[in-house]
Amino acid sequence: MRTPHRRGDSSRVSSRRPTEPLLDREEWFTIGLTAILQTAVTLGVFAWALAERDVAEARNLAFSVLVFGELFRAFASRSARRVFWQVGALGNLVLLGVVLGSVLVQLAIHHVGWTQSLFQIGELSMADCGLSLAVGLIPVTVLELVKLARAARERRTS
């Protein structure tokens, strides 16, 4: 998205023409891809777990995958063009801390009795915690690969 210029009164000066849409085709593509990826991995894990286990475990896994996917996407959202390593892995320590803390809380709620009752979830094994983390990385990984593909395409055309 475009941001106002830093010079002068930023509330009156915009880098976007008034007739120009707020989101362009590339941004809408990214929004749609993000929604499709997160939905697919969450429902995919739920369907797999439902076939292999019971509905409670399927719900637990899907919930964790959804939370981890959204947390990890925060890193991809820092830049529309540059990948995580180009932006700087340690460039935003507050974000890193919030995501790490949230991951720990998400893992903990599956092992604390009153939070299990509150969220109507059960305990996840360590293997299932690892599975949830790994599957939660799929959407952000694809989004980052799309950024790399776009950059390669732009280098070839320029």
C-alpha atoms as a PDB file:
ATOM      1  CA  MET A   1       0.000   0.000   0.000  1.00  0.00           C
ATOM      2  CA  ARG A   2       1.074   3.528  -0.568  1.00  0.00           C
ATOM      3  CA  THR A   3       1.854   5.882   2.269  1.00  0.00           C
ATOM      4  CA  PRO A   4       1.746   9.685   2.416  1.00  0.00           C
ATOM      5  CA  HIS A   5       4.900  11.683   1.709  1.00  0.00           C
ATOM      6  CA  ARG A   6       6.961  12.601   4.764  1.00  0.00           C
ATOM      7  CA  ARG A   7       7.474  16.206   3.647  1.00  0.00           C
ATOM      8  CA  GLY A   8       5.010  18.845   4.851  1.00  0.00           C
ATOM      9  CA  ASP A   9       1.521  18.076   6.072  1.00  0.00           C
ATOM     10  CA  SER A  10       1.190  14.350   5.461  1.00  0.00           C
ATOM     11  CA  SER A  11      -2.555  14.464   6.111  1.00  0.00           C
ATOM     12  CA  ARG A  12      -3.024  16.540   2.935  1.00  0.00           C
ATOM     13  CA  VAL A  13      -0.355  15.126   0.633  1.00  0.00           C
ATOM     14  CA  SER A  14      -0.773  11.671  -0.909  1.00  0.00           C
ATOM     15  CA  SER A  15       1.478   9.687  -3.234  1.00  0.00           C
ATOM     16  CA  ARG A  16      -1.639   8.262  -4.876  1.00  0.00           C
ATOM     17  CA  ARG A  17      -3.867  10.027  -7.378  1.00  0.00           C
ATOM     18  CA  PRO A  18      -7.445  10.368  -6.055  1.00  0.00           C
ATOM     19  CA  THR A  19      -8.763   8.312  -8.987  1.00  0.00           C
ATOM     20  CA  GLU A  20      -6.235   5.526  -8.441  1.00  0.00           C
ATOM     21  CA  PRO A  21      -7.544   2.486  -6.524  1.00  0.00           C
ATOM     22  CA  LEU A  22      -6.202   1.854  -3.027  1.00  0.00           C
ATOM     23  CA  LEU A  23      -5.178  -1.684  -3.972  1.00  0.00           C
ATOM     24  CA  ASP A  24      -3.744  -2.662  -7.334  1.00  0.00           C
ATOM     25  CA  ARG A  25      -3.978  -6.031  -9.109  1.00  0.00           C
ATOM     26  CA  GLU A  26      -0.823  -7.383  -7.480  1.00  0.00           C
ATOM     27  CA  GLU A  27      -2.085  -6.531  -3.981  1.00  0.00           C
ATOM     28  CA  TRP A  28      -5.486  -8.151  -4.657  1.00  0.00           C
ATOM     29  CA  PHE A  29      -3.669 -11.239  -5.957  1.00  0.00           C
ATOM     30  CA  THR A  30      -1.630 -11.423  -2.738  1.00  0.00           C
ATOM     31  CA  ILE A  31      -4.755 -11.020  -0.576  1.00  0.00           C
ATOM     32  CA  GLY A  32      -6.550 -13.774  -2.505  1.00  0.00           C
ATOM     33  CA  LEU A  33      -3.543 -16.083  -2.471  1.00  0.00           C
ATOM     34  CA  THR A  34      -3.120 -15.574   1.259  1.00  0.00           C
ATOM     35  CA  ALA A  35      -6.768 -16.442   1.907  1.00  0.00           C
ATOM     36  CA  ILE A  36      -6.640 -19.514  -0.319  1.00  0.00           C
ATOM     37  CA  LEU A  37      -3.396 -20.804   1.205  1.00  0.00           C
ATOM     38  CA  GLN A  38      -4.470 -20.341   4.814  1.00  0.00           C
ATOM     39  CA  THR A  39      -7.867 -21.879   4.155  1.00  0.00           C
ATOM     40  CA  ALA A  40      -6.378 -24.824   2.275  1.00  0.00           C
ATOM     41  CA  VAL A  41      -3.812 -25.740   4.912  1.00  0.00           C
ATOM     42  CA  THR A  42      -6.254 -25.311   7.799  1.00  0.00           C
ATOM     43  CA  LEU A  43      -9.025 -27.342   6.184  1.00  0.00           C
ATOM     44  CA  GLY A  44      -6.490 -29.822   4.799  1.00  0.00           C
ATOM     45  CA  VAL A  45      -5.130 -30.560   8.265  1.00  0.00           C
ATOM     46  CA  PHE A  46      -8.661 -30.776   9.643  1.00  0.00           C
ATOM     47  CA  ALA A  47      -9.741 -33.237   6.923  1.00  0.00           C
ATOM     48  CA  TRP A  48      -6.615 -35.358   7.351  1.00  0.00           C
ATOM     49  CA  ALA A  49      -6.952 -35.455  11.146  1.00  0.00           C
ATOM     50  CA  LEU A  50     -10.680 -36.194  10.914  1.00  0.00           C
ATOM     51  CA  ALA A  51      -9.950 -39.211   8.713  1.00  0.00           C
ATOM     52  CA  GLU A  52      -7.137 -40.444  10.975  1.00  0.00           C
ATOM     53  CA  ARG A  53      -8.368 -39.363  14.428  1.00  0.00           C
ATOM     54  CA  ASP A  54     -11.451 -37.925  16.086  1.00  0.00           C
ATOM     55  CA  VAL A  55     -13.145 -34.552  15.622  1.00  0.00           C
ATOM     56  CA  ALA A  56     -11.642 -33.059  18.799  1.00  0.00           C
ATOM     57  CA  GLU A  57      -8.074 -33.733  17.649  1.00  0.00           C
ATOM     58  CA  ALA A  58      -8.898 -32.502  14.154  1.00  0.00           C
ATOM     59  CA  ARG A  59     -10.236 -29.262  15.628  1.00  0.00           C
ATOM     60  CA  ASN A  60      -7.155 -28.871  17.868  1.00  0.00           C
ATOM     61  CA  LEU A  61      -4.767 -29.276  14.946  1.00  0.00           C
ATOM     62  CA  ALA A  62      -6.746 -26.985  12.648  1.00  0.00           C
ATOM     63  CA  PHE A  63      -6.935 -24.288  15.339  1.00  0.00           C
ATOM     64  CA  SER A  64      -3.180 -24.395  15.931  1.00  0.00           C
ATOM     65  CA  VAL A  65      -2.347 -24.398  12.221  1.00  0.00           C
ATOM     66  CA  LEU A  66      -4.589 -21.375  11.700  1.00  0.00           C
ATOM     67  CA  VAL A  67      -3.000 -19.460  14.584  1.00  0.00           C
ATOM     68  CA  PHE A  68       0.566 -20.311  13.534  1.00  0.00           C
ATOM     69  CA  GLY A  69      -0.164 -19.449   9.906  1.00  0.00           C
ATOM     70  CA  GLU A  70      -1.446 -16.013  10.878  1.00  0.00           C
ATOM     71  CA  LEU A  71       1.457 -15.375  13.236  1.00  0.00           C
ATOM     72  CA  PHE A  72       4.086 -16.339  10.664  1.00  0.00           C
ATOM     73  CA  ARG A  73       2.358 -14.272   7.974  1.00  0.00           C
ATOM     74  CA  ALA A  74       3.207 -11.177  10.005  1.00  0.00           C
ATOM     75  CA  PHE A  75       6.800 -11.628   8.830  1.00  0.00           C
ATOM     76  CA  ALA A  76       5.819 -11.784   5.150  1.00  0.00           C
ATOM     77  CA  SER A  77       3.594  -8.731   5.570  1.00  0.00           C
ATOM     78  CA  ARG A  78       6.497  -6.496   6.529  1.00  0.00           C
ATOM     79  CA  SER A  79       7.271  -5.892   2.859  1.00  0.00           C
ATOM     80  CA  ALA A  80       5.290  -6.407  -0.331  1.00  0.00           C
ATOM     81  CA  ARG A  81       8.471  -6.900  -2.380  1.00  0.00           C
ATOM     82  CA  ARG A  82      11.299  -8.090  -0.127  1.00  0.00           C
ATOM     83  CA  VAL A  83      11.441 -11.464   1.617  1.00  0.00           C
ATOM     84  CA  PHE A  84      12.013 -11.954   5.328  1.00  0.00           C
ATOM     85  CA  TRP A  85      15.807 -12.211   5.045  1.00  0.00           C
ATOM     86  CA  GLN A  86      16.053  -9.125   2.826  1.00  0.00           C
ATOM     87  CA  VAL A  87      14.019  -7.033   5.270  1.00  0.00           C
ATOM     88  CA  GLY A  88      16.178  -8.336   8.097  1.00  0.00           C
ATOM     89  CA  ALA A  89      15.346 -11.181  10.419  1.00  0.00           C
ATOM     90  CA  LEU A  90      16.205  -9.059  13.451  1.00  0.00           C
ATOM     91  CA  GLY A  91      15.010  -5.756  11.978  1.00  0.00           C
ATOM     92  CA  ASN A  92      11.888  -5.667  14.121  1.00  0.00           C
ATOM     93  CA  LEU A  93      12.637  -7.226  17.498  1.00  0.00           C
ATOM     94  CA  VAL A  94       9.239  -6.251  18.901  1.00  0.00           C
ATOM     95  CA  LEU A  95       7.459  -8.213  16.159  1.00  0.00           C
ATOM     96  CA  LEU A  96       9.828 -11.133  16.659  1.00  0.00           C
ATOM     97  CA  GLY A  97       9.124 -11.087  20.403  1.00  0.00           C
ATOM     98  CA  VAL A  98       5.362 -10.836  19.968  1.00  0.00           C
ATOM     99  CA  VAL A  99       5.280 -13.712  17.487  1.00  0.00           C
ATOM    100  CA  LEU A 100       7.578 -15.882  19.619  1.00  0.00           C
ATOM    101  CA  GLY A 101       5.533 -15.138  22.737  1.00  0.00           C
ATOM    102  CA  SER A 102       2.289 -15.864  20.904  1.00  0.00           C
ATOM    103  CA  VAL A 103       3.662 -19.180  19.595  1.00  0.00           C
ATOM    104  CA  LEU A 104       4.596 -20.172  23.145  1.00  0.00           C
ATOM    105  CA  VAL A 105       1.156 -19.195  24.446  1.00  0.00           C
ATOM    106  CA  GLN A 106      -0.517 -21.133  21.635  1.00  0.00           C
ATOM    107  CA  LEU A 107       1.509 -24.215  22.494  1.00  0.00           C
ATOM    108  CA  ALA A 108       0.835 -23.747  26.218  1.00  0.00           C
ATOM    109  CA  ILE A 109      -2.951 -23.472  25.939  1.00  0.00           C
ATOM    110  CA  HIS A 110      -3.067 -27.085  24.811  1.00  0.00           C
ATOM    111  CA  HIS A 111      -1.387 -28.167  28.048  1.00  0.00           C
ATOM    112  CA  VAL A 112      -3.129 -26.041  30.706  1.00  0.00           C
ATOM    113  CA  GLY A 113      -6.440 -27.324  32.039  1.00  0.00           C
ATOM    114  CA  TRP A 114      -8.389 -24.084  32.339  1.00  0.00           C
ATOM    115  CA  THR A 115      -7.335 -22.871  28.871  1.00  0.00           C
ATOM    116  CA  GLN A 116      -8.333 -26.227  27.402  1.00  0.00           C
ATOM    117  CA  SER A 117     -11.780 -25.709  28.928  1.00  0.00           C
ATOM    118  CA  LEU A 118     -11.972 -22.080  27.828  1.00  0.00           C
ATOM    119  CA  PHE A 119     -11.100 -22.829  24.188  1.00  0.00           C
ATOM    120  CA  GLN A 120     -12.725 -26.286  24.192  1.00  0.00           C
ATOM    121  CA  ILE A 121      -9.515 -27.909  23.007  1.00  0.00           C
ATOM    122  CA  GLY A 122      -7.494 -30.885  24.127  1.00  0.00           C
ATOM    123  CA  GLU A 123      -3.855 -31.641  24.658  1.00  0.00           C
ATOM    124  CA  LEU A 124      -1.575 -31.818  21.634  1.00  0.00           C
ATOM    125  CA  SER A 125       1.389 -34.174  21.632  1.00  0.00           C
ATOM    126  CA  MET A 126       4.802 -32.692  20.941  1.00  0.00           C
ATOM    127  CA  ALA A 127       4.681 -34.323  17.494  1.00  0.00           C
ATOM    128  CA  ASP A 128       1.355 -32.611  16.786  1.00  0.00           C
ATOM    129  CA  CYS A 129       2.757 -29.299  18.018  1.00  0.00           C
ATOM    130  CA  GLY A 130       5.640 -29.710  15.573  1.00  0.00           C
ATOM    131  CA  LEU A 131       3.234 -30.671  12.796  1.00  0.00           C
ATOM    132  CA  SER A 132       1.113 -27.583  13.480  1.00  0.00           C
ATOM    133  CA  LEU A 133       4.169 -25.334  13.396  1.00  0.00           C
ATOM    134  CA  ALA A 134       5.442 -26.880  10.155  1.00  0.00           C
ATOM    135  CA  VAL A 135       2.094 -26.738   8.366  1.00  0.00           C
ATOM    136  CA  GLY A 136       1.581 -23.179   9.650  1.00  0.00           C
ATOM    137  CA  LEU A 137       4.761 -22.230   7.767  1.00  0.00           C
ATOM    138  CA  ILE A 138       3.385 -23.348   4.394  1.00  0.00           C
ATOM    139  CA  PRO A 139       1.368 -20.191   3.540  1.00  0.00           C
ATOM    140  CA  VAL A 140       4.141 -17.752   4.488  1.00  0.00           C
ATOM    141  CA  THR A 141       6.694 -19.844   2.580  1.00  0.00           C
ATOM    142  CA  VAL A 142       4.576 -19.751  -0.574  1.00  0.00           C
ATOM    143  CA  LEU A 143       4.035 -15.994  -0.197  1.00  0.00           C
ATOM    144  CA  GLU A 144       7.776 -15.453   0.140  1.00  0.00           C
ATOM    145  CA  LEU A 145       8.444 -17.640  -2.926  1.00  0.00           C
ATOM    146  CA  VAL A 146       5.941 -15.548  -4.893  1.00  0.00           C
ATOM    147  CA  LYS A 147       7.937 -12.427  -3.938  1.00  0.00           C
ATOM    148  CA  LEU A 148      11.133 -14.069  -5.193  1.00  0.00           C
ATOM    149  CA  ALA A 149       9.417 -15.092  -8.445  1.00  0.00           C
ATOM    150  CA  ARG A 150       8.132 -11.550  -8.972  1.00  0.00           C
ATOM    151  CA  ALA A 151      11.599 -10.119  -8.369  1.00  0.00           C
ATOM    152  CA  ALA A 152      13.137 -12.581 -10.844  1.00  0.00           C
ATOM    153  CA  ARG A 153      10.495 -11.707 -13.431  1.00  0.00           C
ATOM    154  CA  GLU A 154      11.133  -7.981 -12.943  1.00  0.00           C
ATOM    155  CA  ARG A 155      14.906  -8.489 -13.357  1.00  0.00           C
ATOM    156  CA  ARG A 156      14.340 -10.379 -16.629  1.00  0.00           C
ATOM    157  CA  THR A 157      12.034  -7.696 -18.058  1.00  0.00           C
ATOM    158  CA  SER A 158      14.207  -4.733 -17.113  1.00  0.00           C
END
